[in-house]
Amino acid sequence: MSEKDRIFFGPLDIAEKERLEQEQTGPPVEEDEEEEAETLPFTEKTIEAQQRQQKLIEQLEKKKLASSIAVPTNDDLVKAKLRELNEPIILFGETKPERRKLSLIHISEPTRQAEIS
């Protein structure tokens, strides 16, 4: 590249530098304006969505807790555990796997966790 191909722009004066900085950062904001930021209340839909999300999070936490608990696979032990928790040991038409799942649900409840510990 030869010197003729180069374009040399001279230094910008101080006022021009300040103008360019203001364009990049925006107008100066006073501290009082920042503190008086307006907040709007949540709409009903937003509140409902937050409540649904909270319920889903609680369900996921229960599932996570339930997966970490050891539940007996022997049907007699499952019945004994349900008796210990004062829950019905057999429901009408219930199979052994369903009974095991039911015992897992009862064991994983937070109030039961406090009793077991």
C-alpha atoms as a PDB file:
ATOM      1  CA  MET A   1       0.000   0.000   0.000  1.00  0.00           C
ATOM      2  CA  SER A   2       1.490   3.279  -0.996  1.00  0.00           C
ATOM      3  CA  GLU A   3       1.202   6.578   0.817  1.00  0.00           C
ATOM      4  CA  LYS A   4      -1.256   7.850  -1.773  1.00  0.00           C
ATOM      5  CA  ASP A   5      -3.702   5.055  -0.866  1.00  0.00           C
ATOM      6  CA  ARG A   6      -3.806   6.105   2.762  1.00  0.00           C
ATOM      7  CA  ILE A   7      -6.286   8.660   3.949  1.00  0.00           C
ATOM      8  CA  PHE A   8      -5.171  10.606   6.971  1.00  0.00           C
ATOM      9  CA  PHE A   9      -7.770  12.246   9.115  1.00  0.00           C
ATOM     10  CA  GLY A  10      -6.449  14.847  11.476  1.00  0.00           C
ATOM     11  CA  PRO A  11      -7.062  14.812  15.216  1.00  0.00           C
ATOM     12  CA  LEU A  12     -10.576  15.580  16.399  1.00  0.00           C
ATOM     13  CA  ASP A  13     -11.015  18.597  18.532  1.00  0.00           C
ATOM     14  CA  ILE A  14     -12.118  18.176  22.151  1.00  0.00           C
ATOM     15  CA  ALA A  15     -15.744  19.242  21.586  1.00  0.00           C
ATOM     16  CA  GLU A  16     -16.157  16.692  18.795  1.00  0.00           C
ATOM     17  CA  LYS A  17     -14.726  13.923  21.015  1.00  0.00           C
ATOM     18  CA  GLU A  18     -17.221  14.750  23.779  1.00  0.00           C
ATOM     19  CA  ARG A  19     -20.103  14.770  21.283  1.00  0.00           C
ATOM     20  CA  LEU A  20     -19.125  11.340  19.979  1.00  0.00           C
ATOM     21  CA  GLU A  21     -18.835   9.947  23.523  1.00  0.00           C
ATOM     22  CA  GLN A  22     -22.313  11.270  24.378  1.00  0.00           C
ATOM     23  CA  GLU A  23     -23.775   9.643  21.282  1.00  0.00           C
ATOM     24  CA  GLN A  24     -22.274   6.310  22.291  1.00  0.00           C
ATOM     25  CA  THR A  25     -23.245   6.422  25.975  1.00  0.00           C
ATOM     26  CA  GLY A  26     -26.469   8.395  25.713  1.00  0.00           C
ATOM     27  CA  PRO A  27     -27.419  11.553  27.561  1.00  0.00           C
ATOM     28  CA  PRO A  28     -26.181  11.907  31.115  1.00  0.00           C
ATOM     29  CA  VAL A  29     -28.697  10.598  33.653  1.00  0.00           C
ATOM     30  CA  GLU A  30     -29.070  12.215  37.019  1.00  0.00           C
ATOM     31  CA  GLU A  31     -29.061  10.002  40.105  1.00  0.00           C
ATOM     32  CA  ASP A  32     -32.584  11.085  41.135  1.00  0.00           C
ATOM     33  CA  GLU A  33     -34.043   9.814  37.858  1.00  0.00           C
ATOM     34  CA  GLU A  34     -32.568   6.343  38.413  1.00  0.00           C
ATOM     35  CA  GLU A  35     -34.109   5.995  41.887  1.00  0.00           C
ATOM     36  CA  GLU A  36     -37.575   6.969  40.700  1.00  0.00           C
ATOM     37  CA  ALA A  37     -37.869   4.073  38.259  1.00  0.00           C
ATOM     38  CA  GLU A  38     -41.472   3.034  37.860  1.00  0.00           C
ATOM     39  CA  THR A  39     -42.413  -0.542  38.678  1.00  0.00           C
ATOM     40  CA  LEU A  40     -45.643  -2.050  37.486  1.00  0.00           C
ATOM     41  CA  PRO A  41     -47.611  -4.758  39.304  1.00  0.00           C
ATOM     42  CA  PHE A  42     -47.845  -8.217  37.771  1.00  0.00           C
ATOM     43  CA  THR A  43     -50.918  -9.051  35.751  1.00  0.00           C
ATOM     44  CA  GLU A  44     -53.220 -11.905  36.765  1.00  0.00           C
ATOM     45  CA  LYS A  45     -51.859 -14.071  33.948  1.00  0.00           C
ATOM     46  CA  THR A  46     -48.320 -13.501  35.135  1.00  0.00           C
ATOM     47  CA  ILE A  47     -49.218 -14.395  38.716  1.00  0.00           C
ATOM     48  CA  GLU A  48     -51.010 -17.556  37.536  1.00  0.00           C
ATOM     49  CA  ALA A  49     -48.019 -18.509  35.404  1.00  0.00           C
ATOM     50  CA  GLN A  50     -45.689 -18.055  38.383  1.00  0.00           C
ATOM     51  CA  GLN A  51     -47.952 -20.226  40.539  1.00  0.00           C
ATOM     52  CA  ARG A  52     -48.061 -22.962  37.866  1.00  0.00           C
ATOM     53  CA  GLN A  53     -44.298 -22.805  37.557  1.00  0.00           C
ATOM     54  CA  GLN A  54     -43.895 -23.076  41.333  1.00  0.00           C
ATOM     55  CA  LYS A  55     -46.166 -26.150  41.403  1.00  0.00           C
ATOM     56  CA  LEU A  56     -44.136 -27.766  38.617  1.00  0.00           C
ATOM     57  CA  ILE A  57     -40.910 -27.056  40.470  1.00  0.00           C
ATOM     58  CA  GLU A  58     -42.349 -28.636  43.622  1.00  0.00           C
ATOM     59  CA  GLN A  59     -43.415 -31.709  41.636  1.00  0.00           C
ATOM     60  CA  LEU A  60     -39.941 -32.031  40.145  1.00  0.00           C
ATOM     61  CA  GLU A  61     -38.373 -31.746  43.592  1.00  0.00           C
ATOM     62  CA  LYS A  62     -40.704 -34.482  44.881  1.00  0.00           C
ATOM     63  CA  LYS A  63     -39.765 -36.733  41.965  1.00  0.00           C
ATOM     64  CA  LYS A  64     -36.089 -36.063  42.561  1.00  0.00           C
ATOM     65  CA  LEU A  65     -36.472 -36.879  46.249  1.00  0.00           C
ATOM     66  CA  ALA A  66     -38.535 -39.976  45.465  1.00  0.00           C
ATOM     67  CA  SER A  67     -35.884 -41.290  43.077  1.00  0.00           C
ATOM     68  CA  SER A  68     -33.247 -41.036  45.789  1.00  0.00           C
ATOM     69  CA  ILE A  69     -35.273 -43.017  48.371  1.00  0.00           C
ATOM     70  CA  ALA A  70     -34.842 -46.760  48.641  1.00  0.00           C
ATOM     71  CA  VAL A  71     -38.216 -48.520  48.584  1.00  0.00           C
ATOM     72  CA  PRO A  72     -38.443 -52.267  49.194  1.00  0.00           C
ATOM     73  CA  THR A  73     -39.398 -54.421  46.217  1.00  0.00           C
ATOM     74  CA  ASN A  74     -40.730 -57.291  48.304  1.00  0.00           C
ATOM     75  CA  ASP A  75     -44.510 -56.949  48.559  1.00  0.00           C
ATOM     76  CA  ASP A  76     -44.582 -57.958  52.233  1.00  0.00           C
ATOM     77  CA  LEU A  77     -42.001 -55.286  53.087  1.00  0.00           C
ATOM     78  CA  VAL A  78     -43.964 -52.700  51.105  1.00  0.00           C
ATOM     79  CA  LYS A  79     -47.119 -53.569  53.077  1.00  0.00           C
ATOM     80  CA  ALA A  80     -45.185 -53.333  56.344  1.00  0.00           C
ATOM     81  CA  LYS A  81     -43.874 -49.902  55.376  1.00  0.00           C
ATOM     82  CA  LEU A  82     -47.399 -48.716  54.501  1.00  0.00           C
ATOM     83  CA  ARG A  83     -48.666 -50.011  57.866  1.00  0.00           C
ATOM     84  CA  GLU A  84     -45.854 -48.123  59.573  1.00  0.00           C
ATOM     85  CA  LEU A  85     -47.021 -44.934  57.841  1.00  0.00           C
ATOM     86  CA  ASN A  86     -50.678 -45.597  58.806  1.00  0.00           C
ATOM     87  CA  GLU A  87     -51.693 -45.834  55.152  1.00  0.00           C
ATOM     88  CA  PRO A  88     -53.967 -48.492  53.604  1.00  0.00           C
ATOM     89  CA  ILE A  89     -51.873 -51.462  52.541  1.00  0.00           C
ATOM     90  CA  ILE A  90     -54.113 -52.641  49.677  1.00  0.00           C
ATOM     91  CA  LEU A  91     -56.508 -50.637  47.569  1.00  0.00           C
ATOM     92  CA  PHE A  92     -59.153 -52.318  45.429  1.00  0.00           C
ATOM     93  CA  GLY A  93     -57.691 -53.631  42.182  1.00  0.00           C
ATOM     94  CA  GLU A  94     -54.183 -52.504  43.059  1.00  0.00           C
ATOM     95  CA  THR A  95     -51.226 -54.546  41.799  1.00  0.00           C
ATOM     96  CA  LYS A  96     -47.853 -55.018  43.471  1.00  0.00           C
ATOM     97  CA  PRO A  97     -46.031 -52.410  41.336  1.00  0.00           C
ATOM     98  CA  GLU A  98     -48.801 -49.876  41.965  1.00  0.00           C
ATOM     99  CA  ARG A  99     -48.581 -50.566  45.700  1.00  0.00           C
ATOM    100  CA  ARG A 100     -44.806 -50.013  45.597  1.00  0.00           C
ATOM    101  CA  LYS A 101     -45.316 -46.739  43.728  1.00  0.00           C
ATOM    102  CA  LEU A 102     -47.931 -45.658  46.273  1.00  0.00           C
ATOM    103  CA  SER A 103     -45.572 -46.409  49.150  1.00  0.00           C
ATOM    104  CA  LEU A 104     -42.872 -44.368  47.412  1.00  0.00           C
ATOM    105  CA  ILE A 105     -45.264 -41.421  47.133  1.00  0.00           C
ATOM    106  CA  HIS A 106     -46.151 -41.615  50.825  1.00  0.00           C
ATOM    107  CA  ILE A 107     -42.539 -41.971  51.922  1.00  0.00           C
ATOM    108  CA  SER A 108     -41.353 -39.051  49.785  1.00  0.00           C
ATOM    109  CA  GLU A 109     -43.789 -36.533  51.284  1.00  0.00           C
ATOM    110  CA  PRO A 110     -41.852 -33.864  53.232  1.00  0.00           C
ATOM    111  CA  THR A 111     -43.852 -34.437  56.435  1.00  0.00           C
ATOM    112  CA  ARG A 112     -43.027 -38.155  56.255  1.00  0.00           C
ATOM    113  CA  GLN A 113     -39.359 -37.355  55.769  1.00  0.00           C
ATOM    114  CA  ALA A 114     -39.334 -35.525  59.095  1.00  0.00           C
ATOM    115  CA  GLU A 115     -41.048 -38.493  60.809  1.00  0.00           C
ATOM    116  CA  ILE A 116     -38.670 -41.062  59.331  1.00  0.00           C
ATOM    117  CA  SER A 117     -35.496 -39.123  60.201  1.00  0.00           C
END
